[in-house]
Amino acid sequence: MMVTGNNVYIRFFEDEDAEALLDLHVNNRELFQKYSPTIADDFYTLETKRKYISDSLQQCEEDKKYCFGIFLNENGKLVGSVSLNHIYRGPLQRGMIGYQLDAQYNGRGLTTEAVSLTVAYAFNELQLHRIDAGVMLSNVGSMRVLEKAGFYKEGIERKGVQINGQWEDHQIFAIISEHN
């Protein structure tokens, strides 16, 4: 499964992506940990990346979570990840999006493009009705990504996620399918 945009494409992670995923996380450790829930040290091992990919493929088959790599069209380099988590079916038909991009590629619209591709996949292929996102109030760049991708601000979730030992407020965003 691959969805292609102007500058990037997204596809499900494969076993062969483990080393590139480890490099991405190691090279961006400080940036990613600034906005992510507390990460254990064993997160930064090749074995953990292989298990993550294996688990993500299993969760995809179970319709629980969809994890994509973000790859440059020009050379196929892995530059980030985007995922649809917490998939709920039945009367909800919703999921939550999360994403990371290699710091050296920030500011080029690549994350917005990858998020837009993921939203299109979620609405067109998975038939989701709604996608939510939560962003720390200090992460202005991530808020811009979501707004450019068509998400709307809905409100502030107070102390909703523990990041680096602190309960952080998050701006909640959502986008709703016009077809479902």
N, C-alpha and C. Protein backbone atom coordinates (compact mmCIF):
# COMPACT_ATOMS: atom_id res chain seq x y z
N MET A 1 0.85 -1.17 0.00
CA MET A 1 0.00 0.00 0.00
C MET A 1 0.89 1.23 0.00
N MET A 2 0.70 2.09 -0.98
CA MET A 2 1.46 3.33 -1.06
C MET A 2 0.53 4.43 -1.54
N VAL A 3 0.64 5.60 -0.90
CA VAL A 3 -0.12 6.78 -1.32
C VAL A 3 0.91 7.86 -1.63
N THR A 4 0.87 8.38 -2.85
CA THR A 4 1.90 9.30 -3.31
C THR A 4 1.37 10.73 -3.43
N GLY A 5 2.18 11.67 -2.95
CA GLY A 5 1.88 13.08 -3.09
C GLY A 5 2.91 13.73 -4.00
N ASN A 6 2.99 15.05 -3.96
CA ASN A 6 3.94 15.78 -4.81
C ASN A 6 5.39 15.58 -4.40
N ASN A 7 5.65 15.57 -3.09
CA ASN A 7 7.02 15.51 -2.58
C ASN A 7 7.33 14.26 -1.78
N VAL A 8 6.29 13.65 -1.20
CA VAL A 8 6.49 12.48 -0.37
C VAL A 8 5.45 11.42 -0.72
N TYR A 9 5.76 10.20 -0.27
CA TYR A 9 4.75 9.15 -0.29
C TYR A 9 4.74 8.50 1.08
N ILE A 10 3.60 7.90 1.41
CA ILE A 10 3.49 7.16 2.65
C ILE A 10 3.19 5.70 2.31
N ARG A 11 3.73 4.82 3.13
CA ARG A 11 3.42 3.40 2.99
C ARG A 11 3.62 2.75 4.35
N PHE A 12 2.99 1.58 4.51
CA PHE A 12 3.17 0.85 5.75
C PHE A 12 4.64 0.49 5.91
N PHE A 13 5.09 0.49 7.15
CA PHE A 13 6.47 0.07 7.42
C PHE A 13 6.64 -1.39 7.06
N GLU A 14 7.85 -1.73 6.62
CA GLU A 14 8.24 -3.09 6.30
C GLU A 14 9.47 -3.44 7.13
N ASP A 15 9.76 -4.72 7.26
CA ASP A 15 10.91 -5.16 8.06
C ASP A 15 12.20 -4.45 7.66
N GLU A 16 12.37 -4.23 6.36
CA GLU A 16 13.60 -3.61 5.86
C GLU A 16 13.76 -2.15 6.30
N ASP A 17 12.72 -1.55 6.87
CA ASP A 17 12.78 -0.15 7.31
C ASP A 17 13.33 0.01 8.72
N ALA A 18 13.60 -1.08 9.42
CA ALA A 18 13.97 -1.00 10.84
C ALA A 18 15.21 -0.14 11.07
N GLU A 19 16.26 -0.32 10.27
CA GLU A 19 17.49 0.47 10.48
C GLU A 19 17.26 1.95 10.20
N ALA A 20 16.54 2.26 9.14
CA ALA A 20 16.27 3.66 8.81
C ALA A 20 15.39 4.30 9.89
N LEU A 21 14.45 3.53 10.44
CA LEU A 21 13.59 4.04 11.51
C LEU A 21 14.40 4.29 12.77
N LEU A 22 15.32 3.38 13.08
CA LEU A 22 16.20 3.59 14.23
C LEU A 22 17.04 4.85 14.03
N ASP A 23 17.62 5.03 12.86
CA ASP A 23 18.42 6.23 12.57
C ASP A 23 17.58 7.49 12.74
N LEU A 24 16.35 7.46 12.22
CA LEU A 24 15.45 8.62 12.35
C LEU A 24 15.23 8.97 13.81
N HIS A 25 14.95 7.98 14.62
CA HIS A 25 14.67 8.23 16.03
C HIS A 25 15.92 8.65 16.81
N VAL A 26 17.04 8.02 16.53
CA VAL A 26 18.29 8.38 17.22
C VAL A 26 18.70 9.81 16.85
N ASN A 27 18.66 10.14 15.57
CA ASN A 27 19.09 11.46 15.10
C ASN A 27 18.17 12.59 15.56
N ASN A 28 16.94 12.26 15.92
CA ASN A 28 15.97 13.28 16.33
C ASN A 28 15.48 13.08 17.76
N ARG A 29 16.26 12.36 18.54
CA ARG A 29 15.85 11.98 19.89
C ARG A 29 15.42 13.19 20.72
N GLU A 30 16.22 14.21 20.76
CA GLU A 30 15.93 15.38 21.59
C GLU A 30 14.63 16.06 21.14
N LEU A 31 14.46 16.24 19.85
CA LEU A 31 13.24 16.89 19.33
C LEU A 31 12.01 16.04 19.60
N PHE A 32 12.06 14.77 19.28
CA PHE A 32 10.89 13.90 19.44
C PHE A 32 10.50 13.76 20.91
N GLN A 33 11.50 13.64 21.80
CA GLN A 33 11.18 13.47 23.22
C GLN A 33 10.58 14.74 23.83
N LYS A 34 10.81 15.86 23.21
CA LYS A 34 10.27 17.12 23.71
C LYS A 34 8.73 17.12 23.67
N TYR A 35 8.16 16.41 22.69
CA TYR A 35 6.71 16.44 22.49
C TYR A 35 6.04 15.08 22.61
N SER A 36 6.78 14.05 23.01
CA SER A 36 6.23 12.70 23.05
C SER A 36 6.15 12.19 24.48
N PRO A 37 5.24 11.24 24.73
CA PRO A 37 5.22 10.62 26.06
C PRO A 37 6.59 10.03 26.39
N THR A 38 6.88 9.90 27.65
CA THR A 38 8.17 9.42 28.10
C THR A 38 8.54 8.11 27.39
N ILE A 39 9.77 8.07 26.89
CA ILE A 39 10.25 6.94 26.09
C ILE A 39 11.35 6.22 26.86
N ALA A 40 11.24 4.90 26.94
CA ALA A 40 12.26 4.09 27.62
C ALA A 40 13.52 4.02 26.76
N ASP A 41 14.66 3.79 27.39
CA ASP A 41 15.93 3.75 26.67
C ASP A 41 15.98 2.62 25.64
N ASP A 42 15.29 1.50 25.89
CA ASP A 42 15.34 0.41 24.92
C ASP A 42 14.56 0.73 23.64
N PHE A 43 13.89 1.88 23.63
CA PHE A 43 13.22 2.36 22.42
C PHE A 43 14.25 2.55 21.30
N TYR A 44 15.47 2.85 21.66
CA TYR A 44 16.52 3.16 20.69
C TYR A 44 17.40 1.95 20.39
N THR A 45 16.76 0.84 20.05
CA THR A 45 17.49 -0.35 19.64
C THR A 45 16.87 -0.90 18.36
N LEU A 46 17.67 -1.59 17.58
CA LEU A 46 17.19 -2.18 16.34
C LEU A 46 16.12 -3.24 16.62
N GLU A 47 16.31 -4.01 17.68
CA GLU A 47 15.33 -5.03 18.04
C GLU A 47 13.97 -4.40 18.34
N THR A 48 13.96 -3.28 19.04
CA THR A 48 12.71 -2.59 19.36
C THR A 48 12.04 -2.07 18.09
N LYS A 49 12.81 -1.59 17.14
CA LYS A 49 12.23 -1.11 15.87
C LYS A 49 11.62 -2.26 15.08
N ARG A 50 12.31 -3.39 15.07
CA ARG A 50 11.77 -4.57 14.37
C ARG A 50 10.46 -5.02 15.00
N LYS A 51 10.43 -5.01 16.33
CA LYS A 51 9.20 -5.40 17.04
C LYS A 51 8.09 -4.39 16.76
N TYR A 52 8.43 -3.10 16.77
CA TYR A 52 7.44 -2.05 16.47
C TYR A 52 6.81 -2.29 15.10
N ILE A 53 7.65 -2.57 14.10
CA ILE A 53 7.15 -2.79 12.74
C ILE A 53 6.27 -4.04 12.70
N SER A 54 6.72 -5.10 13.32
CA SER A 54 5.94 -6.34 13.36
C SER A 54 4.60 -6.11 14.06
N ASP A 55 4.64 -5.44 15.21
CA ASP A 55 3.41 -5.15 15.96
C ASP A 55 2.48 -4.24 15.15
N SER A 56 3.06 -3.26 14.47
CA SER A 56 2.22 -2.32 13.71
C SER A 56 1.52 -3.02 12.54
N LEU A 57 2.19 -3.97 11.91
CA LEU A 57 1.55 -4.72 10.83
C LEU A 57 0.42 -5.59 11.38
N GLN A 58 0.62 -6.17 12.55
CA GLN A 58 -0.43 -6.97 13.20
C GLN A 58 -1.63 -6.08 13.56
N GLN A 59 -1.36 -4.89 14.12
CA GLN A 59 -2.44 -3.97 14.50
C GLN A 59 -3.19 -3.47 13.27
N CYS A 60 -2.51 -3.34 12.17
CA CYS A 60 -3.15 -2.94 10.92
C CYS A 60 -4.13 -4.03 10.48
N GLU A 61 -3.67 -5.27 10.52
CA GLU A 61 -4.55 -6.39 10.15
C GLU A 61 -5.77 -6.46 11.05
N GLU A 62 -5.61 -6.03 12.32
CA GLU A 62 -6.72 -6.06 13.28
C GLU A 62 -7.56 -4.79 13.24
N ASP A 63 -7.22 -3.85 12.34
CA ASP A 63 -7.96 -2.59 12.20
C ASP A 63 -7.93 -1.76 13.48
N LYS A 64 -6.76 -1.78 14.16
CA LYS A 64 -6.60 -1.03 15.41
C LYS A 64 -5.70 0.19 15.25
N LYS A 65 -4.71 0.07 14.35
CA LYS A 65 -3.71 1.12 14.20
C LYS A 65 -3.06 0.97 12.83
N TYR A 66 -2.76 2.09 12.18
CA TYR A 66 -2.12 2.09 10.87
C TYR A 66 -0.89 2.99 10.94
N CYS A 67 0.30 2.40 10.78
CA CYS A 67 1.57 3.13 10.87
C CYS A 67 2.22 3.23 9.50
N PHE A 68 2.55 4.43 9.11
CA PHE A 68 3.15 4.69 7.81
C PHE A 68 4.51 5.36 7.97
N GLY A 69 5.42 5.02 7.09
CA GLY A 69 6.65 5.80 6.96
C GLY A 69 6.38 6.93 5.98
N ILE A 70 7.06 8.04 6.17
CA ILE A 70 7.03 9.16 5.23
C ILE A 70 8.34 9.11 4.46
N PHE A 71 8.25 8.96 3.15
CA PHE A 71 9.43 8.80 2.31
C PHE A 71 9.48 9.89 1.24
N LEU A 72 10.68 10.37 0.94
CA LEU A 72 10.86 11.36 -0.13
C LEU A 72 10.65 10.71 -1.48
N ASN A 73 9.89 11.36 -2.35
CA ASN A 73 9.70 10.84 -3.71
C ASN A 73 11.02 10.77 -4.47
N GLU A 74 11.89 11.75 -4.26
CA GLU A 74 13.10 11.86 -5.08
C GLU A 74 14.10 10.73 -4.88
N ASN A 75 14.15 10.18 -3.63
CA ASN A 75 15.16 9.15 -3.39
C ASN A 75 14.70 8.00 -2.48
N GLY A 76 13.45 8.03 -2.05
CA GLY A 76 12.93 6.96 -1.20
C GLY A 76 13.42 6.98 0.23
N LYS A 77 14.06 8.07 0.65
CA LYS A 77 14.59 8.15 2.02
C LYS A 77 13.46 8.31 3.03
N LEU A 78 13.54 7.53 4.12
CA LEU A 78 12.60 7.66 5.23
C LEU A 78 12.91 8.95 5.98
N VAL A 79 11.92 9.85 6.08
CA VAL A 79 12.14 11.13 6.76
C VAL A 79 11.17 11.36 7.91
N GLY A 80 10.24 10.42 8.11
CA GLY A 80 9.30 10.60 9.21
C GLY A 80 8.31 9.46 9.29
N SER A 81 7.35 9.65 10.16
CA SER A 81 6.29 8.66 10.33
C SER A 81 4.98 9.36 10.63
N VAL A 82 3.91 8.70 10.28
CA VAL A 82 2.56 9.20 10.58
C VAL A 82 1.71 7.98 10.89
N SER A 83 0.85 8.10 11.88
CA SER A 83 0.05 6.95 12.26
C SER A 83 -1.38 7.34 12.61
N LEU A 84 -2.26 6.42 12.35
CA LEU A 84 -3.65 6.51 12.78
C LEU A 84 -3.80 5.53 13.95
N ASN A 85 -4.04 6.05 15.13
CA ASN A 85 -4.11 5.26 16.35
C ASN A 85 -5.54 5.26 16.89
N HIS A 86 -5.77 4.40 17.85
CA HIS A 86 -7.06 4.38 18.56
C HIS A 86 -8.23 4.38 17.58
N ILE A 87 -8.22 3.41 16.68
CA ILE A 87 -9.30 3.28 15.71
C ILE A 87 -10.53 2.73 16.43
N TYR A 88 -11.62 3.43 16.33
CA TYR A 88 -12.90 3.00 16.89
C TYR A 88 -13.89 2.85 15.75
N ARG A 89 -14.58 1.75 15.75
CA ARG A 89 -15.60 1.49 14.73
C ARG A 89 -16.99 1.66 15.35
N GLY A 90 -17.98 1.05 14.75
CA GLY A 90 -19.35 1.20 15.25
C GLY A 90 -19.84 2.61 15.05
N PRO A 91 -20.51 3.18 16.05
CA PRO A 91 -21.08 4.52 15.87
C PRO A 91 -20.04 5.65 15.87
N LEU A 92 -18.79 5.35 16.23
CA LEU A 92 -17.77 6.41 16.28
C LEU A 92 -17.04 6.58 14.95
N GLN A 93 -16.53 5.51 14.36
CA GLN A 93 -15.78 5.57 13.09
C GLN A 93 -14.71 6.66 13.13
N ARG A 94 -13.82 6.56 14.09
CA ARG A 94 -12.81 7.61 14.26
C ARG A 94 -11.46 7.05 14.62
N GLY A 95 -10.45 7.91 14.52
CA GLY A 95 -9.11 7.57 14.91
C GLY A 95 -8.38 8.83 15.33
N MET A 96 -7.15 8.66 15.80
CA MET A 96 -6.32 9.78 16.22
C MET A 96 -5.03 9.73 15.41
N ILE A 97 -4.59 10.88 14.93
CA ILE A 97 -3.38 10.94 14.11
C ILE A 97 -2.20 11.45 14.93
N GLY A 98 -1.03 10.90 14.63
CA GLY A 98 0.21 11.36 15.22
C GLY A 98 1.29 11.32 14.15
N TYR A 99 2.32 12.14 14.29
CA TYR A 99 3.34 12.22 13.25
C TYR A 99 4.64 12.77 13.80
N GLN A 100 5.72 12.46 13.09
CA GLN A 100 7.07 12.96 13.39
C GLN A 100 7.80 13.15 12.07
N LEU A 101 8.62 14.18 12.01
CA LEU A 101 9.44 14.42 10.81
C LEU A 101 10.85 14.76 11.23
N ASP A 102 11.81 14.22 10.51
CA ASP A 102 13.22 14.53 10.72
C ASP A 102 13.40 16.05 10.72
N ALA A 103 14.05 16.57 11.76
CA ALA A 103 14.19 18.02 11.93
C ALA A 103 14.80 18.72 10.71
N GLN A 104 15.70 18.04 10.00
CA GLN A 104 16.35 18.70 8.87
C GLN A 104 15.39 18.94 7.71
N TYR A 105 14.18 18.35 7.76
CA TYR A 105 13.20 18.53 6.69
C TYR A 105 12.02 19.40 7.12
N ASN A 106 12.06 19.92 8.35
CA ASN A 106 10.98 20.78 8.83
C ASN A 106 10.88 22.05 7.99
N GLY A 107 9.68 22.59 7.90
CA GLY A 107 9.45 23.86 7.22
C GLY A 107 9.30 23.75 5.72
N ARG A 108 9.20 22.55 5.19
CA ARG A 108 9.08 22.36 3.73
C ARG A 108 7.69 21.89 3.30
N GLY A 109 6.77 21.76 4.26
CA GLY A 109 5.42 21.31 3.94
C GLY A 109 5.30 19.80 3.82
N LEU A 110 6.36 19.06 4.14
CA LEU A 110 6.33 17.60 3.98
C LEU A 110 5.39 16.94 4.98
N THR A 111 5.38 17.44 6.23
CA THR A 111 4.49 16.86 7.22
C THR A 111 3.03 17.12 6.85
N THR A 112 2.73 18.34 6.42
CA THR A 112 1.37 18.66 6.00
C THR A 112 0.93 17.76 4.87
N GLU A 113 1.82 17.53 3.91
CA GLU A 113 1.50 16.65 2.80
C GLU A 113 1.26 15.22 3.28
N ALA A 114 2.11 14.71 4.17
CA ALA A 114 1.95 13.36 4.68
C ALA A 114 0.66 13.22 5.51
N VAL A 115 0.35 14.22 6.31
CA VAL A 115 -0.89 14.20 7.09
C VAL A 115 -2.09 14.20 6.15
N SER A 116 -2.05 15.02 5.11
CA SER A 116 -3.15 15.07 4.14
C SER A 116 -3.32 13.73 3.42
N LEU A 117 -2.22 13.09 3.06
CA LEU A 117 -2.29 11.77 2.43
C LEU A 117 -2.90 10.74 3.38
N THR A 118 -2.53 10.82 4.64
CA THR A 118 -3.04 9.89 5.64
C THR A 118 -4.53 10.11 5.88
N VAL A 119 -4.94 11.36 5.94
CA VAL A 119 -6.36 11.68 6.11
C VAL A 119 -7.16 11.15 4.92
N ALA A 120 -6.65 11.33 3.71
CA ALA A 120 -7.35 10.82 2.52
C ALA A 120 -7.47 9.30 2.60
N TYR A 121 -6.42 8.63 3.02
CA TYR A 121 -6.47 7.17 3.18
C TYR A 121 -7.52 6.79 4.23
N ALA A 122 -7.51 7.50 5.36
CA ALA A 122 -8.44 7.20 6.45
C ALA A 122 -9.89 7.36 6.01
N PHE A 123 -10.18 8.41 5.26
CA PHE A 123 -11.55 8.67 4.84
C PHE A 123 -11.96 7.80 3.66
N ASN A 124 -11.09 7.64 2.69
CA ASN A 124 -11.45 6.93 1.47
C ASN A 124 -11.32 5.41 1.57
N GLU A 125 -10.26 4.94 2.22
CA GLU A 125 -10.03 3.49 2.29
C GLU A 125 -10.59 2.87 3.57
N LEU A 126 -10.39 3.55 4.69
CA LEU A 126 -10.84 3.00 5.97
C LEU A 126 -12.27 3.41 6.31
N GLN A 127 -12.79 4.37 5.56
CA GLN A 127 -14.16 4.87 5.78
C GLN A 127 -14.36 5.46 7.17
N LEU A 128 -13.31 6.09 7.73
CA LEU A 128 -13.47 6.77 9.01
C LEU A 128 -14.28 8.04 8.80
N HIS A 129 -14.95 8.46 9.84
CA HIS A 129 -15.76 9.68 9.79
C HIS A 129 -15.00 10.88 10.36
N ARG A 130 -14.13 10.62 11.34
CA ARG A 130 -13.48 11.72 12.07
C ARG A 130 -12.07 11.30 12.47
N ILE A 131 -11.16 12.28 12.43
CA ILE A 131 -9.79 12.07 12.91
C ILE A 131 -9.48 13.21 13.88
N ASP A 132 -8.98 12.84 15.04
CA ASP A 132 -8.60 13.79 16.08
C ASP A 132 -7.08 13.90 16.16
N ALA A 133 -6.63 14.99 16.73
CA ALA A 133 -5.20 15.18 17.02
C ALA A 133 -5.10 16.05 18.27
N GLY A 134 -4.08 15.79 19.06
CA GLY A 134 -3.79 16.61 20.23
C GLY A 134 -2.36 17.13 20.13
N VAL A 135 -2.19 18.43 20.39
CA VAL A 135 -0.87 19.06 20.25
C VAL A 135 -0.56 19.88 21.50
N MET A 136 0.64 19.69 22.04
CA MET A 136 1.06 20.53 23.16
C MET A 136 0.97 21.99 22.75
N LEU A 137 0.56 22.84 23.68
CA LEU A 137 0.35 24.25 23.37
C LEU A 137 1.62 24.95 22.88
N SER A 138 2.77 24.44 23.27
CA SER A 138 4.04 25.05 22.86
C SER A 138 4.47 24.62 21.46
N ASN A 139 3.79 23.65 20.86
CA ASN A 139 4.21 23.10 19.57
C ASN A 139 3.45 23.80 18.43
N VAL A 140 3.80 25.05 18.21
CA VAL A 140 3.11 25.89 17.22
C VAL A 140 3.26 25.33 15.81
N GLY A 141 4.41 24.78 15.47
CA GLY A 141 4.62 24.22 14.13
C GLY A 141 3.66 23.08 13.84
N SER A 142 3.44 22.22 14.83
CA SER A 142 2.52 21.10 14.65
C SER A 142 1.08 21.60 14.48
N MET A 143 0.73 22.65 15.19
CA MET A 143 -0.61 23.23 15.02
C MET A 143 -0.79 23.75 13.60
N ARG A 144 0.24 24.38 13.06
CA ARG A 144 0.16 24.89 11.68
C ARG A 144 -0.02 23.74 10.69
N VAL A 145 0.69 22.64 10.91
CA VAL A 145 0.56 21.47 10.04
C VAL A 145 -0.90 21.04 9.98
N LEU A 146 -1.53 20.89 11.14
CA LEU A 146 -2.91 20.43 11.18
C LEU A 146 -3.86 21.41 10.53
N GLU A 147 -3.68 22.69 10.80
CA GLU A 147 -4.56 23.69 10.19
C GLU A 147 -4.43 23.69 8.67
N LYS A 148 -3.20 23.59 8.17
CA LYS A 148 -2.99 23.54 6.71
C LYS A 148 -3.58 22.29 6.09
N ALA A 149 -3.66 21.21 6.88
CA ALA A 149 -4.22 19.95 6.39
C ALA A 149 -5.75 19.89 6.54
N GLY A 150 -6.35 20.99 7.02
CA GLY A 150 -7.80 21.06 7.09
C GLY A 150 -8.42 20.76 8.44
N PHE A 151 -7.62 20.57 9.46
CA PHE A 151 -8.15 20.33 10.81
C PHE A 151 -8.61 21.64 11.44
N TYR A 152 -9.58 21.52 12.34
CA TYR A 152 -10.11 22.67 13.07
C TYR A 152 -9.83 22.53 14.55
N LYS A 153 -9.57 23.66 15.20
CA LYS A 153 -9.39 23.66 16.65
C LYS A 153 -10.74 23.41 17.31
N GLU A 154 -10.72 22.56 18.33
CA GLU A 154 -11.96 22.26 19.06
C GLU A 154 -11.92 22.70 20.51
N GLY A 155 -10.75 22.80 21.10
CA GLY A 155 -10.68 23.19 22.50
C GLY A 155 -9.38 22.70 23.12
N ILE A 156 -9.26 22.95 24.41
CA ILE A 156 -8.06 22.58 25.16
C ILE A 156 -8.39 21.39 26.06
N GLU A 157 -7.60 20.34 25.93
CA GLU A 157 -7.68 19.23 26.86
C GLU A 157 -6.69 19.53 27.98
N ARG A 158 -7.20 19.71 29.17
CA ARG A 158 -6.35 20.07 30.30
C ARG A 158 -5.62 18.86 30.85
N LYS A 159 -4.31 18.99 30.94
CA LYS A 159 -3.44 17.96 31.54
C LYS A 159 -3.82 16.56 31.07
N GLY A 160 -3.89 16.41 29.74
CA GLY A 160 -4.38 15.17 29.15
C GLY A 160 -3.33 14.12 28.85
N VAL A 161 -2.07 14.52 28.68
CA VAL A 161 -1.03 13.56 28.32
C VAL A 161 0.21 13.85 29.15
N GLN A 162 0.82 12.80 29.67
CA GLN A 162 2.05 12.97 30.43
C GLN A 162 3.23 12.94 29.47
N ILE A 163 3.94 14.06 29.42
CA ILE A 163 5.11 14.23 28.56
C ILE A 163 6.30 14.55 29.47
N ASN A 164 7.32 13.70 29.40
CA ASN A 164 8.52 13.91 30.20
C ASN A 164 8.21 14.19 31.67
N GLY A 165 7.28 13.40 32.23
CA GLY A 165 6.96 13.49 33.65
C GLY A 165 5.99 14.60 34.03
N GLN A 166 5.55 15.39 33.06
CA GLN A 166 4.62 16.50 33.34
C GLN A 166 3.31 16.28 32.61
N TRP A 167 2.19 16.52 33.29
CA TRP A 167 0.89 16.46 32.63
C TRP A 167 0.71 17.74 31.84
N GLU A 168 0.56 17.59 30.52
CA GLU A 168 0.53 18.74 29.61
C GLU A 168 -0.87 18.97 29.04
N ASP A 169 -1.21 20.26 28.91
CA ASP A 169 -2.42 20.64 28.19
C ASP A 169 -2.19 20.45 26.70
N HIS A 170 -3.25 20.10 25.98
CA HIS A 170 -3.15 19.89 24.53
C HIS A 170 -4.29 20.61 23.82
N GLN A 171 -3.96 21.24 22.72
CA GLN A 171 -4.97 21.78 21.82
C GLN A 171 -5.53 20.60 21.03
N ILE A 172 -6.83 20.44 21.04
CA ILE A 172 -7.47 19.35 20.31
C ILE A 172 -7.92 19.87 18.95
N PHE A 173 -7.58 19.10 17.93
CA PHE A 173 -7.97 19.39 16.55
C PHE A 173 -8.78 18.21 16.03
N ALA A 174 -9.60 18.46 15.02
CA ALA A 174 -10.33 17.37 14.38
C ALA A 174 -10.60 17.74 12.92
N ILE A 175 -10.80 16.71 12.13
CA ILE A 175 -11.25 16.87 10.75
C ILE A 175 -12.32 15.80 10.55
N ILE A 176 -13.36 16.18 9.83
CA ILE A 176 -14.50 15.29 9.63
C ILE A 176 -14.67 15.04 8.14
N SER A 177 -14.91 13.79 7.79
CA SER A 177 -15.13 13.43 6.40
C SER A 177 -16.43 14.04 5.90
N GLU A 178 -16.38 14.55 4.69
CA GLU A 178 -17.60 15.10 4.09
C GLU A 178 -18.40 14.01 3.39
N HIS A 179 -17.85 12.79 3.32
CA HIS A 179 -18.51 11.71 2.58
C HIS A 179 -19.13 10.66 3.47
N ASN A 180 -18.71 10.58 4.73
CA ASN A 180 -19.22 9.52 5.61
C ASN A 180 -20.14 10.12 6.65
